[in-house]
Amino acid sequence: EKLSTALQPTKIKITDFSHLHTGHAGTAGKDGETHFELFVVSEQFKGLRPVARHQAIYKILKDEMDTNNGGIHALKITARTPDEDK
């Protein structure tokens, strides 16, 4: 919801791969959602390099990425503009 509100994407898909990483480093003591893949298409990315796009997403998900509070351990991001998604 945070991503949809902030980025107003034309496409968004979030896939949870946590089950493939049970017991791996970074998941010790955590039960649940730790590994995700994000595919998002938004006009908001126009003129931004890939690193800046990722930084924008991390800023939006700051609380969710806080690993000290059981947050997301790994997030694979594909962030495109609508023109790049054609």
N, C-alpha and C. Protein backbone atom coordinates (compact mmCIF):
# COMPACT_ATOMS: atom_id res chain seq x y z
N GLU A 1 0.82 -1.19 0.00
CA GLU A 1 0.00 0.00 0.00
C GLU A 1 0.87 1.26 0.00
N LYS A 2 1.93 1.26 0.80
CA LYS A 2 2.83 2.43 0.83
C LYS A 2 3.42 2.69 -0.55
N LEU A 3 3.83 1.62 -1.23
CA LEU A 3 4.43 1.78 -2.55
C LEU A 3 3.40 2.31 -3.55
N SER A 4 2.20 1.79 -3.49
CA SER A 4 1.14 2.24 -4.42
C SER A 4 0.81 3.71 -4.19
N THR A 5 0.73 4.11 -2.95
CA THR A 5 0.41 5.50 -2.64
C THR A 5 1.52 6.44 -3.09
N ALA A 6 2.76 6.08 -2.80
CA ALA A 6 3.89 6.96 -3.11
C ALA A 6 4.26 6.97 -4.58
N LEU A 7 4.19 5.83 -5.24
CA LEU A 7 4.69 5.72 -6.61
C LEU A 7 3.60 5.75 -7.67
N GLN A 8 2.35 5.54 -7.30
CA GLN A 8 1.24 5.48 -8.24
C GLN A 8 1.63 4.64 -9.46
N PRO A 9 2.00 3.39 -9.23
CA PRO A 9 2.50 2.55 -10.32
C PRO A 9 1.42 2.14 -11.31
N THR A 10 1.85 1.92 -12.55
CA THR A 10 0.96 1.35 -13.55
C THR A 10 0.99 -0.17 -13.45
N LYS A 11 2.07 -0.71 -12.89
CA LYS A 11 2.20 -2.14 -12.61
C LYS A 11 2.97 -2.30 -11.32
N ILE A 12 2.57 -3.28 -10.53
CA ILE A 12 3.33 -3.62 -9.34
C ILE A 12 3.09 -5.09 -9.02
N LYS A 13 4.16 -5.79 -8.72
CA LYS A 13 4.06 -7.19 -8.33
C LYS A 13 5.08 -7.43 -7.23
N ILE A 14 4.61 -7.97 -6.11
CA ILE A 14 5.49 -8.31 -4.99
C ILE A 14 5.39 -9.81 -4.78
N THR A 15 6.54 -10.48 -4.79
CA THR A 15 6.58 -11.92 -4.60
C THR A 15 7.38 -12.23 -3.35
N ASP A 16 6.83 -13.07 -2.50
CA ASP A 16 7.46 -13.47 -1.25
C ASP A 16 8.21 -14.79 -1.48
N PHE A 17 9.53 -14.74 -1.33
CA PHE A 17 10.37 -15.93 -1.48
C PHE A 17 10.95 -16.38 -0.14
N SER A 18 10.37 -15.95 0.94
CA SER A 18 10.89 -16.25 2.27
C SER A 18 11.01 -17.74 2.53
N HIS A 19 10.06 -18.50 2.04
CA HIS A 19 10.06 -19.94 2.28
C HIS A 19 11.30 -20.64 1.71
N LEU A 20 11.93 -20.02 0.72
CA LEU A 20 13.14 -20.61 0.12
C LEU A 20 14.39 -20.32 0.94
N HIS A 21 14.28 -19.48 1.95
CA HIS A 21 15.45 -19.03 2.72
C HIS A 21 15.37 -19.38 4.20
N THR A 22 14.45 -20.22 4.57
CA THR A 22 14.32 -20.62 5.97
C THR A 22 15.63 -21.22 6.46
N GLY A 23 16.12 -20.70 7.57
CA GLY A 23 17.37 -21.21 8.15
C GLY A 23 18.63 -20.56 7.62
N HIS A 24 18.54 -19.74 6.59
CA HIS A 24 19.72 -19.07 6.04
C HIS A 24 20.13 -17.89 6.93
N ALA A 25 21.36 -17.44 6.74
CA ALA A 25 21.83 -16.25 7.46
C ALA A 25 20.88 -15.09 7.18
N GLY A 26 20.60 -14.32 8.19
CA GLY A 26 19.69 -13.19 8.03
C GLY A 26 18.26 -13.52 8.39
N THR A 27 17.98 -14.80 8.57
CA THR A 27 16.62 -15.19 8.96
C THR A 27 16.58 -15.80 10.35
N ALA A 28 17.74 -15.97 10.95
CA ALA A 28 17.81 -16.60 12.27
C ALA A 28 16.94 -15.84 13.27
N GLY A 29 16.10 -16.56 13.96
CA GLY A 29 15.24 -15.94 14.96
C GLY A 29 14.04 -15.22 14.38
N LYS A 30 13.87 -15.25 13.07
CA LYS A 30 12.75 -14.58 12.43
C LYS A 30 11.78 -15.62 11.91
N ASP A 31 10.53 -15.32 12.03
CA ASP A 31 9.51 -16.23 11.58
C ASP A 31 8.60 -15.48 10.62
N GLY A 32 8.74 -15.77 9.33
CA GLY A 32 7.83 -15.10 8.39
C GLY A 32 8.51 -14.48 7.20
N GLU A 33 8.08 -13.29 6.87
CA GLU A 33 8.41 -12.65 5.60
C GLU A 33 9.74 -11.91 5.69
N THR A 34 10.74 -12.43 4.97
CA THR A 34 12.08 -11.83 5.01
C THR A 34 12.69 -11.57 3.64
N HIS A 35 12.25 -12.28 2.62
CA HIS A 35 12.84 -12.19 1.28
C HIS A 35 11.75 -11.93 0.23
N PHE A 36 11.92 -10.83 -0.51
CA PHE A 36 10.92 -10.44 -1.50
C PHE A 36 11.56 -10.03 -2.82
N GLU A 37 10.74 -10.10 -3.86
CA GLU A 37 11.09 -9.55 -5.16
C GLU A 37 10.00 -8.54 -5.52
N LEU A 38 10.43 -7.37 -5.96
CA LEU A 38 9.51 -6.29 -6.32
C LEU A 38 9.71 -5.91 -7.78
N PHE A 39 8.62 -5.92 -8.54
CA PHE A 39 8.62 -5.42 -9.91
C PHE A 39 7.63 -4.27 -9.94
N VAL A 40 8.11 -3.08 -10.30
CA VAL A 40 7.25 -1.90 -10.27
C VAL A 40 7.53 -1.00 -11.48
N VAL A 41 6.45 -0.50 -12.07
CA VAL A 41 6.53 0.42 -13.21
C VAL A 41 5.83 1.71 -12.79
N SER A 42 6.56 2.83 -12.90
CA SER A 42 6.00 4.11 -12.46
C SER A 42 6.62 5.28 -13.22
N GLU A 43 5.79 6.26 -13.51
CA GLU A 43 6.28 7.51 -14.11
C GLU A 43 7.26 8.22 -13.17
N GLN A 44 7.13 7.96 -11.88
CA GLN A 44 7.98 8.60 -10.88
C GLN A 44 9.47 8.30 -11.10
N PHE A 45 9.76 7.24 -11.84
CA PHE A 45 11.15 6.85 -12.08
C PHE A 45 11.78 7.57 -13.27
N LYS A 46 10.98 8.32 -14.01
CA LYS A 46 11.52 9.03 -15.18
C LYS A 46 12.66 9.94 -14.78
N GLY A 47 13.78 9.83 -15.48
CA GLY A 47 14.94 10.68 -15.22
C GLY A 47 15.82 10.21 -14.07
N LEU A 48 15.42 9.12 -13.41
CA LEU A 48 16.23 8.60 -12.30
C LEU A 48 17.05 7.40 -12.75
N ARG A 49 18.29 7.36 -12.32
CA ARG A 49 19.13 6.20 -12.57
C ARG A 49 18.65 5.05 -11.67
N PRO A 50 19.02 3.81 -12.01
CA PRO A 50 18.57 2.67 -11.21
C PRO A 50 18.86 2.80 -9.71
N VAL A 51 20.02 3.29 -9.35
CA VAL A 51 20.35 3.42 -7.92
C VAL A 51 19.39 4.40 -7.23
N ALA A 52 19.06 5.49 -7.88
CA ALA A 52 18.14 6.47 -7.31
C ALA A 52 16.72 5.89 -7.18
N ARG A 53 16.35 5.05 -8.12
CA ARG A 53 15.04 4.38 -8.04
C ARG A 53 14.99 3.47 -6.82
N HIS A 54 16.05 2.69 -6.64
CA HIS A 54 16.13 1.80 -5.49
C HIS A 54 16.13 2.59 -4.19
N GLN A 55 16.86 3.68 -4.16
CA GLN A 55 16.90 4.51 -2.96
C GLN A 55 15.51 5.06 -2.63
N ALA A 56 14.77 5.44 -3.64
CA ALA A 56 13.41 5.95 -3.42
C ALA A 56 12.53 4.86 -2.81
N ILE A 57 12.66 3.64 -3.31
CA ILE A 57 11.88 2.52 -2.79
C ILE A 57 12.28 2.21 -1.35
N TYR A 58 13.59 2.17 -1.08
CA TYR A 58 14.05 1.91 0.29
C TYR A 58 13.56 2.99 1.26
N LYS A 59 13.50 4.21 0.80
CA LYS A 59 13.01 5.30 1.66
C LYS A 59 11.53 5.07 2.01
N ILE A 60 10.75 4.67 1.03
CA ILE A 60 9.33 4.40 1.25
C ILE A 60 9.16 3.24 2.24
N LEU A 61 10.02 2.23 2.10
CA LEU A 61 9.91 1.02 2.93
C LEU A 61 10.85 1.02 4.13
N LYS A 62 11.24 2.21 4.55
CA LYS A 62 12.22 2.35 5.65
C LYS A 62 11.86 1.49 6.86
N ASP A 63 10.64 1.58 7.34
CA ASP A 63 10.24 0.82 8.52
C ASP A 63 10.25 -0.68 8.26
N GLU A 64 9.79 -1.08 7.08
CA GLU A 64 9.74 -2.50 6.73
C GLU A 64 11.13 -3.09 6.54
N MET A 65 12.11 -2.26 6.18
CA MET A 65 13.48 -2.73 5.95
C MET A 65 14.31 -2.76 7.23
N ASP A 66 13.78 -2.30 8.33
CA ASP A 66 14.51 -2.25 9.59
C ASP A 66 14.73 -3.66 10.13
N THR A 67 15.88 -4.24 9.82
CA THR A 67 16.16 -5.62 10.22
C THR A 67 16.33 -5.76 11.73
N ASN A 68 16.60 -4.67 12.42
CA ASN A 68 16.69 -4.74 13.88
C ASN A 68 15.33 -5.00 14.52
N ASN A 69 14.29 -4.73 13.77
CA ASN A 69 12.93 -4.96 14.27
C ASN A 69 12.23 -6.06 13.48
N GLY A 70 13.01 -7.02 12.98
CA GLY A 70 12.43 -8.16 12.27
C GLY A 70 11.99 -7.86 10.86
N GLY A 71 12.57 -6.84 10.25
CA GLY A 71 12.16 -6.42 8.91
C GLY A 71 12.68 -7.29 7.78
N ILE A 72 12.50 -6.80 6.59
CA ILE A 72 12.90 -7.50 5.37
C ILE A 72 14.42 -7.65 5.33
N HIS A 73 14.88 -8.84 5.06
CA HIS A 73 16.32 -9.12 4.97
C HIS A 73 16.84 -8.89 3.55
N ALA A 74 16.03 -9.24 2.54
CA ALA A 74 16.48 -9.12 1.15
C ALA A 74 15.32 -8.66 0.27
N LEU A 75 15.61 -7.71 -0.60
CA LEU A 75 14.61 -7.20 -1.53
C LEU A 75 15.25 -7.03 -2.90
N LYS A 76 14.81 -7.85 -3.85
CA LYS A 76 15.28 -7.73 -5.24
C LYS A 76 14.31 -6.78 -5.95
N ILE A 77 14.86 -5.72 -6.55
CA ILE A 77 14.02 -4.68 -7.14
C ILE A 77 14.24 -4.57 -8.65
N THR A 78 13.13 -4.54 -9.38
CA THR A 78 13.13 -4.15 -10.79
C THR A 78 12.20 -2.95 -10.86
N ALA A 79 12.75 -1.78 -11.18
CA ALA A 79 11.97 -0.54 -11.21
C ALA A 79 12.13 0.11 -12.58
N ARG A 80 11.03 0.24 -13.29
CA ARG A 80 11.05 0.76 -14.66
C ARG A 80 10.05 1.90 -14.84
N THR A 81 10.30 2.67 -15.90
CA THR A 81 9.31 3.65 -16.32
C THR A 81 8.36 2.93 -17.29
N PRO A 82 7.20 3.51 -17.58
CA PRO A 82 6.30 2.88 -18.54
C PRO A 82 6.95 2.69 -19.91
N ASP A 83 7.78 3.64 -20.35
CA ASP A 83 8.46 3.49 -21.64
C ASP A 83 9.42 2.32 -21.64
N GLU A 84 10.06 2.05 -20.52
CA GLU A 84 11.01 0.95 -20.43
C GLU A 84 10.33 -0.41 -20.34
N ASP A 85 9.04 -0.41 -20.03
CA ASP A 85 8.30 -1.64 -19.86
C ASP A 85 7.59 -2.11 -21.12
N LYS A 86 7.76 -1.38 -22.20
CA LYS A 86 7.09 -1.74 -23.46
C LYS A 86 7.73 -2.92 -24.12
